[in-house]
Amino acid sequence: MSVSKFKKLATIATAAISVSVLLTACQGKKSSTSTGTKTTKHSIALITDNAAIDDHSFNEAAWNGFKAFGKKHNLKQGKGGYQYFESSSAADFTPNANEAANSGYETIFGVGYQLTGAIKSAAKKNPKKNFVIIDDVISGLKNVASVTFESNQASYLAGVAAAYTTKTDHVGYIGGVKSATLELFEAGFKQGVQAGAKALGKKIKIDDQYIGNFTSTDKAKSIAQSMYASGADIIYHAAGNAGNGIFTEAKDINKNRKESKKVWVIGVDV
């Protein structure tokens, strides 16, 4: 497949992966639309997972959405507007969620299924506040909205693109923490690869491995190095900030390779 054709497929996959979420309050007041002016003054808070707010992945994507929401509704960063609470470890999730509620923010978002327990606990403790959990479902609480995505479908397209692009008939998948959410990415990608392989009448080997977290860029780089060394020329990752290590390894390899021998990475979130 030519580079131009690959880019077209990659663009389709990127469009599917880039999901835009309309941030609305579970119980908040409706904004006026009679005059067309932006009158929403609903404050929102973001609780990150244990990667930084500028992780070039999940947290950063969510924060960019918050800034766009603030700009659209004339809100400023800080109390009464929009803000993030950064978590260094899982131990920070619940305290940060409660701090956000106590600071007056009306809707608190937990980024990722790892915050499910913290959001559920904070929602019970603060019944008059609104909460949102992303990538998981919390049932039985009226003040919690659950946001999930059909990640397997976008991943399927990535798999098809990989199948039509690989020159070694060998690709890989690297995930962060093995979970039901991450297995959606893996399953969709593998099915896409298999569908592409079937259409092309060939067999494609698929390696898969999990890092165990979303922060270890060094470990991700090491896994990618092993996959590329074994013959894979395309790796699809759903590993959050750790995935940056995979891109680093691909760049290092490609420095000394001709265009026809270069390796690829397909990422998610950003």
C-alpha atoms as a PDB file:
ATOM      1  CA  MET A   1       0.000   0.000   0.000  1.00  0.00           C
ATOM      2  CA  SER A   2       1.281   3.496  -0.791  1.00  0.00           C
ATOM      3  CA  VAL A   3       1.920   6.054   1.944  1.00  0.00           C
ATOM      4  CA  SER A   4      -0.883   8.250   0.571  1.00  0.00           C
ATOM      5  CA  LYS A   5      -3.415   5.418   0.815  1.00  0.00           C
ATOM      6  CA  PHE A   6      -2.249   4.614   4.326  1.00  0.00           C
ATOM      7  CA  LYS A   7      -2.702   8.239   5.347  1.00  0.00           C
ATOM      8  CA  LYS A   8      -6.274   8.159   4.051  1.00  0.00           C
ATOM      9  CA  LEU A   9      -7.034   5.060   6.148  1.00  0.00           C
ATOM     10  CA  ALA A  10      -5.249   6.568   9.133  1.00  0.00           C
ATOM     11  CA  THR A  11      -7.336   9.711   8.788  1.00  0.00           C
ATOM     12  CA  ILE A  12     -10.534   7.655   8.864  1.00  0.00           C
ATOM     13  CA  ALA A  13      -9.334   5.803  11.962  1.00  0.00           C
ATOM     14  CA  THR A  14      -8.308   9.043  13.666  1.00  0.00           C
ATOM     15  CA  ALA A  15     -11.693  10.593  12.988  1.00  0.00           C
ATOM     16  CA  ALA A  16     -13.398   7.600  14.563  1.00  0.00           C
ATOM     17  CA  ILE A  17     -11.091   7.601  17.567  1.00  0.00           C
ATOM     18  CA  SER A  18     -11.399  11.348  18.200  1.00  0.00           C
ATOM     19  CA  VAL A  19     -14.680  11.417  20.097  1.00  0.00           C
ATOM     20  CA  SER A  20     -16.168  14.748  21.162  1.00  0.00           C
ATOM     21  CA  VAL A  21     -18.214  14.714  24.356  1.00  0.00           C
ATOM     22  CA  LEU A  22     -20.741  17.439  25.086  1.00  0.00           C
ATOM     23  CA  LEU A  23     -20.248  18.345  28.738  1.00  0.00           C
ATOM     24  CA  THR A  24     -23.635  18.770  30.386  1.00  0.00           C
ATOM     25  CA  ALA A  25     -24.640  18.748  34.011  1.00  0.00           C
ATOM     26  CA  CYS A  26     -26.631  15.846  35.393  1.00  0.00           C
ATOM     27  CA  GLN A  27     -28.857  18.153  37.383  1.00  0.00           C
ATOM     28  CA  GLY A  28     -27.547  21.609  36.461  1.00  0.00           C
ATOM     29  CA  LYS A  29     -29.606  24.584  35.363  1.00  0.00           C
ATOM     30  CA  LYS A  30     -30.305  24.953  31.669  1.00  0.00           C
ATOM     31  CA  SER A  31     -28.512  27.793  29.917  1.00  0.00           C
ATOM     32  CA  SER A  32     -30.574  30.436  28.168  1.00  0.00           C
ATOM     33  CA  THR A  33     -30.796  30.143  24.389  1.00  0.00           C
ATOM     34  CA  SER A  34     -33.438  32.784  23.713  1.00  0.00           C
ATOM     35  CA  THR A  35     -30.936  35.554  22.923  1.00  0.00           C
ATOM     36  CA  GLY A  36     -28.124  33.378  21.630  1.00  0.00           C
ATOM     37  CA  THR A  37     -25.756  34.660  24.341  1.00  0.00           C
ATOM     38  CA  LYS A  38     -23.494  32.387  26.345  1.00  0.00           C
ATOM     39  CA  THR A  39     -24.899  32.484  29.861  1.00  0.00           C
ATOM     40  CA  THR A  40     -23.819  29.123  31.277  1.00  0.00           C
ATOM     41  CA  LYS A  41     -21.978  29.562  34.583  1.00  0.00           C
ATOM     42  CA  HIS A  42     -21.715  25.924  35.487  1.00  0.00           C
ATOM     43  CA  SER A  43     -18.384  25.122  37.109  1.00  0.00           C
ATOM     44  CA  ILE A  44     -16.605  21.861  36.309  1.00  0.00           C
ATOM     45  CA  ALA A  45     -13.621  20.006  37.759  1.00  0.00           C
ATOM     46  CA  LEU A  46     -11.407  17.317  36.278  1.00  0.00           C
ATOM     47  CA  ILE A  47      -9.771  14.597  38.395  1.00  0.00           C
ATOM     48  CA  THR A  48      -6.841  13.115  36.495  1.00  0.00           C
ATOM     49  CA  ASP A  49      -5.575   9.570  36.696  1.00  0.00           C
ATOM     50  CA  ASN A  50      -1.992   9.148  37.924  1.00  0.00           C
ATOM     51  CA  ALA A  51      -0.458  10.525  34.733  1.00  0.00           C
ATOM     52  CA  ALA A  52       0.221  14.238  34.346  1.00  0.00           C
ATOM     53  CA  ILE A  53      -2.301  16.686  32.920  1.00  0.00           C
ATOM     54  CA  ASP A  54       0.050  17.136  29.938  1.00  0.00           C
ATOM     55  CA  ASP A  55       0.457  13.404  29.272  1.00  0.00           C
ATOM     56  CA  HIS A  56      -0.103  13.852  25.499  1.00  0.00           C
ATOM     57  CA  SER A  57      -2.941  11.359  25.932  1.00  0.00           C
ATOM     58  CA  PHE A  58      -6.079  10.803  28.000  1.00  0.00           C
ATOM     59  CA  ASN A  59      -5.747  13.549  30.630  1.00  0.00           C
ATOM     60  CA  GLU A  60      -4.595  16.151  28.136  1.00  0.00           C
ATOM     61  CA  ALA A  61      -7.460  15.345  25.774  1.00  0.00           C
ATOM     62  CA  ALA A  62      -9.968  15.789  28.608  1.00  0.00           C
ATOM     63  CA  TRP A  63      -8.338  19.022  29.757  1.00  0.00           C
ATOM     64  CA  ASN A  64      -8.436  20.424  26.217  1.00  0.00           C
ATOM     65  CA  GLY A  65     -12.183  19.736  26.270  1.00  0.00           C
ATOM     66  CA  PHE A  66     -12.485  21.598  29.556  1.00  0.00           C
ATOM     67  CA  LYS A  67     -10.646  24.640  28.169  1.00  0.00           C
ATOM     68  CA  ALA A  68     -12.873  24.621  25.097  1.00  0.00           C
ATOM     69  CA  PHE A  69     -15.965  24.446  27.342  1.00  0.00           C
ATOM     70  CA  GLY A  70     -14.629  27.362  29.382  1.00  0.00           C
ATOM     71  CA  LYS A  71     -13.957  29.463  26.297  1.00  0.00           C
ATOM     72  CA  LYS A  72     -17.395  28.753  24.864  1.00  0.00           C
ATOM     73  CA  HIS A  73     -19.173  29.752  28.083  1.00  0.00           C
ATOM     74  CA  ASN A  74     -16.929  32.640  29.165  1.00  0.00           C
ATOM     75  CA  LEU A  75     -15.578  30.749  32.167  1.00  0.00           C
ATOM     76  CA  LYS A  76     -12.119  31.222  33.601  1.00  0.00           C
ATOM     77  CA  GLN A  77      -9.799  28.607  35.054  1.00  0.00           C
ATOM     78  CA  GLY A  78     -10.212  28.452  38.811  1.00  0.00           C
ATOM     79  CA  LYS A  79     -12.988  28.540  41.379  1.00  0.00           C
ATOM     80  CA  GLY A  80     -16.369  29.185  39.789  1.00  0.00           C
ATOM     81  CA  GLY A  81     -15.096  28.126  36.381  1.00  0.00           C
ATOM     82  CA  TYR A  82     -13.094  25.080  35.364  1.00  0.00           C
ATOM     83  CA  GLN A  83     -10.104  23.415  37.039  1.00  0.00           C
ATOM     84  CA  TYR A  84      -8.138  20.175  37.216  1.00  0.00           C
ATOM     85  CA  PHE A  85      -6.971  18.250  40.264  1.00  0.00           C
ATOM     86  CA  GLU A  86      -3.865  16.243  39.434  1.00  0.00           C
ATOM     87  CA  SER A  87      -3.366  12.820  40.991  1.00  0.00           C
ATOM     88  CA  SER A  88       0.123  11.456  41.644  1.00  0.00           C
ATOM     89  CA  SER A  89      -1.196   8.025  42.619  1.00  0.00           C
ATOM     90  CA  ALA A  90      -4.439   6.150  43.159  1.00  0.00           C
ATOM     91  CA  ALA A  91      -4.390   7.331  46.772  1.00  0.00           C
ATOM     92  CA  ASP A  92      -5.127  10.867  45.510  1.00  0.00           C
ATOM     93  CA  PHE A  93      -8.289   9.994  43.581  1.00  0.00           C
ATOM     94  CA  THR A  94     -10.842  10.165  46.417  1.00  0.00           C
ATOM     95  CA  PRO A  95      -9.280  13.153  48.247  1.00  0.00           C
ATOM     96  CA  ASN A  96      -9.132  15.087  44.964  1.00  0.00           C
ATOM     97  CA  ALA A  97     -12.757  14.306  44.121  1.00  0.00           C
ATOM     98  CA  ASN A  98     -13.899  15.408  47.570  1.00  0.00           C
ATOM     99  CA  GLU A  99     -11.718  18.532  47.437  1.00  0.00           C
ATOM    100  CA  ALA A 100     -13.258  19.485  44.105  1.00  0.00           C
ATOM    101  CA  ALA A 101     -16.748  19.111  45.550  1.00  0.00           C
ATOM    102  CA  ASN A 102     -15.842  21.048  48.698  1.00  0.00           C
ATOM    103  CA  SER A 103     -14.331  23.809  46.552  1.00  0.00           C
ATOM    104  CA  GLY A 104     -17.716  24.461  45.017  1.00  0.00           C
ATOM    105  CA  TYR A 105     -17.374  22.837  41.610  1.00  0.00           C
ATOM    106  CA  GLU A 106     -20.778  21.658  40.477  1.00  0.00           C
ATOM    107  CA  THR A 107     -19.807  18.738  38.213  1.00  0.00           C
ATOM    108  CA  ILE A 108     -16.730  16.599  38.814  1.00  0.00           C
ATOM    109  CA  PHE A 109     -15.304  14.350  36.100  1.00  0.00           C
ATOM    110  CA  GLY A 110     -13.192  11.257  36.778  1.00  0.00           C
ATOM    111  CA  VAL A 111     -10.932  10.504  33.810  1.00  0.00           C
ATOM    112  CA  GLY A 112     -10.763   6.754  33.331  1.00  0.00           C
ATOM    113  CA  TYR A 113     -12.116   3.570  34.871  1.00  0.00           C
ATOM    114  CA  GLN A 114      -9.390   3.610  37.535  1.00  0.00           C
ATOM    115  CA  LEU A 115     -11.310   6.436  39.250  1.00  0.00           C
ATOM    116  CA  THR A 116     -14.582   4.510  39.441  1.00  0.00           C
ATOM    117  CA  GLY A 117     -14.315   3.766  43.167  1.00  0.00           C
ATOM    118  CA  ALA A 118     -13.316   7.325  44.022  1.00  0.00           C
ATOM    119  CA  ILE A 119     -16.116   8.893  41.987  1.00  0.00           C
ATOM    120  CA  LYS A 120     -18.683   6.517  43.463  1.00  0.00           C
ATOM    121  CA  SER A 121     -17.502   7.292  46.996  1.00  0.00           C
ATOM    122  CA  ALA A 122     -17.439  11.062  46.435  1.00  0.00           C
ATOM    123  CA  ALA A 123     -20.871  10.980  44.783  1.00  0.00           C
ATOM    124  CA  LYS A 124     -22.376   9.255  47.836  1.00  0.00           C
ATOM    125  CA  LYS A 125     -20.696  11.754  50.140  1.00  0.00           C
ATOM    126  CA  ASN A 126     -21.806  14.749  48.062  1.00  0.00           C
ATOM    127  CA  PRO A 127     -25.350  13.971  46.828  1.00  0.00           C
ATOM    128  CA  LYS A 128     -25.997  17.565  45.731  1.00  0.00           C
ATOM    129  CA  LYS A 129     -23.030  17.555  43.365  1.00  0.00           C
ATOM    130  CA  ASN A 130     -22.904  16.038  39.880  1.00  0.00           C
ATOM    131  CA  PHE A 131     -20.274  13.458  38.916  1.00  0.00           C
ATOM    132  CA  VAL A 132     -19.179  11.862  35.652  1.00  0.00           C
ATOM    133  CA  ILE A 133     -17.115   8.698  35.236  1.00  0.00           C
ATOM    134  CA  ILE A 134     -15.426   8.116  31.889  1.00  0.00           C
ATOM    135  CA  ASP A 135     -14.795   4.614  30.507  1.00  0.00           C
ATOM    136  CA  ASP A 136     -16.899   2.823  33.116  1.00  0.00           C
ATOM    137  CA  VAL A 137     -20.445   2.566  34.430  1.00  0.00           C
ATOM    138  CA  ILE A 138     -21.669   3.497  37.903  1.00  0.00           C
ATOM    139  CA  SER A 139     -25.276   2.514  38.495  1.00  0.00           C
ATOM    140  CA  GLY A 140     -27.698   3.265  41.299  1.00  0.00           C
ATOM    141  CA  LEU A 141     -26.635   6.883  41.876  1.00  0.00           C
ATOM    142  CA  LYS A 142     -28.786   9.634  40.378  1.00  0.00           C
ATOM    143  CA  ASN A 143     -25.981  12.204  40.569  1.00  0.00           C
ATOM    144  CA  VAL A 144     -23.559  10.174  38.437  1.00  0.00           C
ATOM    145  CA  ALA A 145     -23.436  10.037  34.633  1.00  0.00           C
ATOM    146  CA  SER A 146     -21.413   7.298  32.943  1.00  0.00           C
ATOM    147  CA  VAL A 147     -19.605   7.890  29.653  1.00  0.00           C
ATOM    148  CA  THR A 148     -18.404   4.933  27.604  1.00  0.00           C
ATOM    149  CA  PHE A 149     -17.188   4.586  24.026  1.00  0.00           C
ATOM    150  CA  GLU A 150     -17.331   1.841  21.410  1.00  0.00           C
ATOM    151  CA  SER A 151     -13.535   1.770  21.266  1.00  0.00           C
ATOM    152  CA  ASN A 152     -13.589  -1.589  19.522  1.00  0.00           C
ATOM    153  CA  GLN A 153     -15.078  -0.008  16.400  1.00  0.00           C
ATOM    154  CA  ALA A 154     -12.371   2.628  15.980  1.00  0.00           C
ATOM    155  CA  SER A 155      -9.775  -0.026  16.806  1.00  0.00           C
ATOM    156  CA  TYR A 156     -11.222  -2.242  14.084  1.00  0.00           C
ATOM    157  CA  LEU A 157     -10.492   0.473  11.520  1.00  0.00           C
ATOM    158  CA  ALA A 158      -6.957   0.777  12.872  1.00  0.00           C
ATOM    159  CA  GLY A 159      -6.587  -2.982  12.433  1.00  0.00           C
ATOM    160  CA  VAL A 160      -7.750  -2.830   8.834  1.00  0.00           C
ATOM    161  CA  ALA A 161      -5.300   0.005   8.124  1.00  0.00           C
ATOM    162  CA  ALA A 162      -2.503  -2.045   9.711  1.00  0.00           C
ATOM    163  CA  ALA A 163      -3.373  -5.138   7.682  1.00  0.00           C
ATOM    164  CA  TYR A 164      -3.249  -3.224   4.406  1.00  0.00           C
ATOM    165  CA  THR A 165      -0.032  -1.409   5.346  1.00  0.00           C
ATOM    166  CA  THR A 166       2.211  -4.033   6.953  1.00  0.00           C
ATOM    167  CA  LYS A 167       5.059  -5.227   4.740  1.00  0.00           C
ATOM    168  CA  THR A 168       6.213  -7.930   7.130  1.00  0.00           C
ATOM    169  CA  ASP A 169       2.750  -9.413   7.772  1.00  0.00           C
ATOM    170  CA  HIS A 170       3.488  -8.971  11.455  1.00  0.00           C
ATOM    171  CA  VAL A 171       1.868  -6.362  13.747  1.00  0.00           C
ATOM    172  CA  GLY A 172       1.530  -5.773  17.484  1.00  0.00           C
ATOM    173  CA  TYR A 173      -0.765  -4.423  20.184  1.00  0.00           C
ATOM    174  CA  ILE A 174       0.470  -2.883  23.460  1.00  0.00           C
ATOM    175  CA  GLY A 175      -1.981  -2.005  26.228  1.00  0.00           C
ATOM    176  CA  GLY A 176      -1.624  -0.208  29.543  1.00  0.00           C
ATOM    177  CA  VAL A 177      -3.413  -2.099  32.329  1.00  0.00           C
ATOM    178  CA  LYS A 178      -5.341  -5.179  31.223  1.00  0.00           C
ATOM    179  CA  SER A 179      -9.032  -4.532  31.836  1.00  0.00           C
ATOM    180  CA  ALA A 180     -12.397  -4.806  30.124  1.00  0.00           C
ATOM    181  CA  THR A 181     -11.920  -1.300  28.722  1.00  0.00           C
ATOM    182  CA  LEU A 182      -8.499  -2.020  27.228  1.00  0.00           C
ATOM    183  CA  GLU A 183      -9.596  -5.407  25.929  1.00  0.00           C
ATOM    184  CA  LEU A 184     -12.131  -3.561  23.731  1.00  0.00           C
ATOM    185  CA  PHE A 185      -9.217  -1.855  21.980  1.00  0.00           C
ATOM    186  CA  GLU A 186      -7.341  -5.139  21.646  1.00  0.00           C
ATOM    187  CA  ALA A 187     -10.315  -7.153  20.363  1.00  0.00           C
ATOM    188  CA  GLY A 188     -11.347  -4.534  17.815  1.00  0.00           C
ATOM    189  CA  PHE A 189      -7.802  -4.169  16.499  1.00  0.00           C
ATOM    190  CA  LYS A 190      -7.273  -7.900  16.159  1.00  0.00           C
ATOM    191  CA  GLN A 191     -10.585  -8.391  14.347  1.00  0.00           C
ATOM    192  CA  GLY A 192      -9.726  -5.547  11.985  1.00  0.00           C
ATOM    193  CA  VAL A 193      -6.341  -7.080  11.229  1.00  0.00           C
ATOM    194  CA  GLN A 194      -7.937 -10.473  10.620  1.00  0.00           C
ATOM    195  CA  ALA A 195     -10.592  -8.983   8.346  1.00  0.00           C
ATOM    196  CA  GLY A 196      -7.950  -7.149   6.346  1.00  0.00           C
ATOM    197  CA  ALA A 197      -5.794 -10.252   6.123  1.00  0.00           C
ATOM    198  CA  LYS A 198      -8.741 -12.304   4.883  1.00  0.00           C
ATOM    199  CA  ALA A 199      -9.572  -9.733   2.217  1.00  0.00           C
ATOM    200  CA  LEU A 200      -5.961  -9.758   1.066  1.00  0.00           C
ATOM    201  CA  GLY A 201      -5.691 -13.533   1.190  1.00  0.00           C
ATOM    202  CA  LYS A 202      -2.751 -13.642   3.573  1.00  0.00           C
ATOM    203  CA  LYS A 203      -1.884 -14.461   7.170  1.00  0.00           C
ATOM    204  CA  ILE A 204      -0.752 -11.755   9.590  1.00  0.00           C
ATOM    205  CA  LYS A 205       0.874 -12.479  12.942  1.00  0.00           C
ATOM    206  CA  ILE A 206      -0.340 -10.371  15.887  1.00  0.00           C
ATOM    207  CA  ASP A 207       1.751  -9.909  19.040  1.00  0.00           C
ATOM    208  CA  ASP A 208       0.085  -8.534  22.165  1.00  0.00           C
ATOM    209  CA  GLN A 209       1.371  -7.449  25.561  1.00  0.00           C
ATOM    210  CA  TYR A 210       0.322  -5.257  28.482  1.00  0.00           C
ATOM    211  CA  ILE A 211       2.606  -2.871  30.353  1.00  0.00           C
ATOM    212  CA  GLY A 212       0.800  -3.074  33.683  1.00  0.00           C
ATOM    213  CA  ASN A 213       0.314   0.697  34.016  1.00  0.00           C
ATOM    214  CA  PHE A 214      -0.163   3.849  31.948  1.00  0.00           C
ATOM    215  CA  THR A 215       2.983   5.709  32.983  1.00  0.00           C
ATOM    216  CA  SER A 216       6.081   3.550  32.332  1.00  0.00           C
ATOM    217  CA  THR A 217       7.404   4.935  29.061  1.00  0.00           C
ATOM    218  CA  ASP A 218      10.661   2.978  29.486  1.00  0.00           C
ATOM    219  CA  LYS A 219       8.837  -0.345  29.773  1.00  0.00           C
ATOM    220  CA  ALA A 220       6.637   0.503  26.805  1.00  0.00           C
ATOM    221  CA  LYS A 221       9.741   1.381  24.782  1.00  0.00           C
ATOM    222  CA  SER A 222      11.347  -1.928  25.758  1.00  0.00           C
ATOM    223  CA  ILE A 223       8.273  -3.949  24.742  1.00  0.00           C
ATOM    224  CA  ALA A 224       8.087  -2.093  21.442  1.00  0.00           C
ATOM    225  CA  GLN A 225      11.795  -2.723  20.830  1.00  0.00           C
ATOM    226  CA  SER A 226      11.207  -6.453  21.289  1.00  0.00           C
ATOM    227  CA  MET A 227       8.173  -6.493  18.984  1.00  0.00           C
ATOM    228  CA  TYR A 228       9.933  -4.574  16.243  1.00  0.00           C
ATOM    229  CA  ALA A 229      13.015  -6.787  16.583  1.00  0.00           C
ATOM    230  CA  SER A 230      10.838  -9.882  16.130  1.00  0.00           C
ATOM    231  CA  GLY A 231       9.526  -8.560  12.820  1.00  0.00           C
ATOM    232  CA  ALA A 232       6.482  -6.417  13.596  1.00  0.00           C
ATOM    233  CA  ASP A 233       6.439  -3.207  11.570  1.00  0.00           C
ATOM    234  CA  ILE A 234       3.238  -1.674  13.005  1.00  0.00           C
ATOM    235  CA  ILE A 235       2.223  -1.397  16.664  1.00  0.00           C
ATOM    236  CA  TYR A 236      -1.184  -0.221  17.856  1.00  0.00           C
ATOM    237  CA  HIS A 237      -1.188   1.009  21.446  1.00  0.00           C
ATOM    238  CA  ALA A 238      -3.765   1.939  24.064  1.00  0.00           C
ATOM    239  CA  ALA A 239      -1.346   2.757  26.863  1.00  0.00           C
ATOM    240  CA  GLY A 240      -1.922   6.389  27.782  1.00  0.00           C
ATOM    241  CA  ASN A 241       1.207   8.359  28.626  1.00  0.00           C
ATOM    242  CA  ALA A 242       3.315   5.176  28.522  1.00  0.00           C
ATOM    243  CA  GLY A 243       2.601   4.985  24.809  1.00  0.00           C
ATOM    244  CA  ASN A 244       4.999   7.865  24.237  1.00  0.00           C
ATOM    245  CA  GLY A 245       7.787   5.329  24.787  1.00  0.00           C
ATOM    246  CA  ILE A 246       6.543   3.345  21.788  1.00  0.00           C
ATOM    247  CA  PHE A 247       6.723   6.419  19.560  1.00  0.00           C
ATOM    248  CA  THR A 248      10.229   7.124  20.835  1.00  0.00           C
ATOM    249  CA  GLU A 249      11.368   3.598  19.931  1.00  0.00           C
ATOM    250  CA  ALA A 250       9.842   3.847  16.451  1.00  0.00           C
ATOM    251  CA  LYS A 251      11.582   7.183  15.856  1.00  0.00           C
ATOM    252  CA  ASP A 252      14.903   5.748  17.035  1.00  0.00           C
ATOM    253  CA  ILE A 253      14.569   2.804  14.643  1.00  0.00           C
ATOM    254  CA  ASN A 254      13.500   4.938  11.706  1.00  0.00           C
ATOM    255  CA  LYS A 255      16.524   7.217  11.976  1.00  0.00           C
ATOM    256  CA  ASN A 256      18.645   4.569  10.292  1.00  0.00           C
ATOM    257  CA  ARG A 257      16.120   3.038   7.903  1.00  0.00           C
ATOM    258  CA  LYS A 258      15.001   3.694   4.377  1.00  0.00           C
ATOM    259  CA  GLU A 259      11.408   4.807   3.850  1.00  0.00           C
ATOM    260  CA  SER A 260      10.433   1.327   2.665  1.00  0.00           C
ATOM    261  CA  LYS A 261      11.749  -0.254   5.884  1.00  0.00           C
ATOM    262  CA  LYS A 262      10.323   2.188   8.426  1.00  0.00           C
ATOM    263  CA  VAL A 263       8.087   1.058  11.279  1.00  0.00           C
ATOM    264  CA  TRP A 264       4.759   2.587  12.334  1.00  0.00           C
ATOM    265  CA  VAL A 265       2.809   3.359  15.501  1.00  0.00           C
ATOM    266  CA  ILE A 266      -0.950   3.875  15.764  1.00  0.00           C
ATOM    267  CA  GLY A 267      -2.033   5.583  18.987  1.00  0.00           C
ATOM    268  CA  VAL A 268      -5.318   6.482  20.675  1.00  0.00           C
ATOM    269  CA  ASP A 269      -6.781   9.425  22.641  1.00  0.00           C
ATOM    270  CA  VAL A 270      -4.505  12.030  20.985  1.00  0.00           C
END
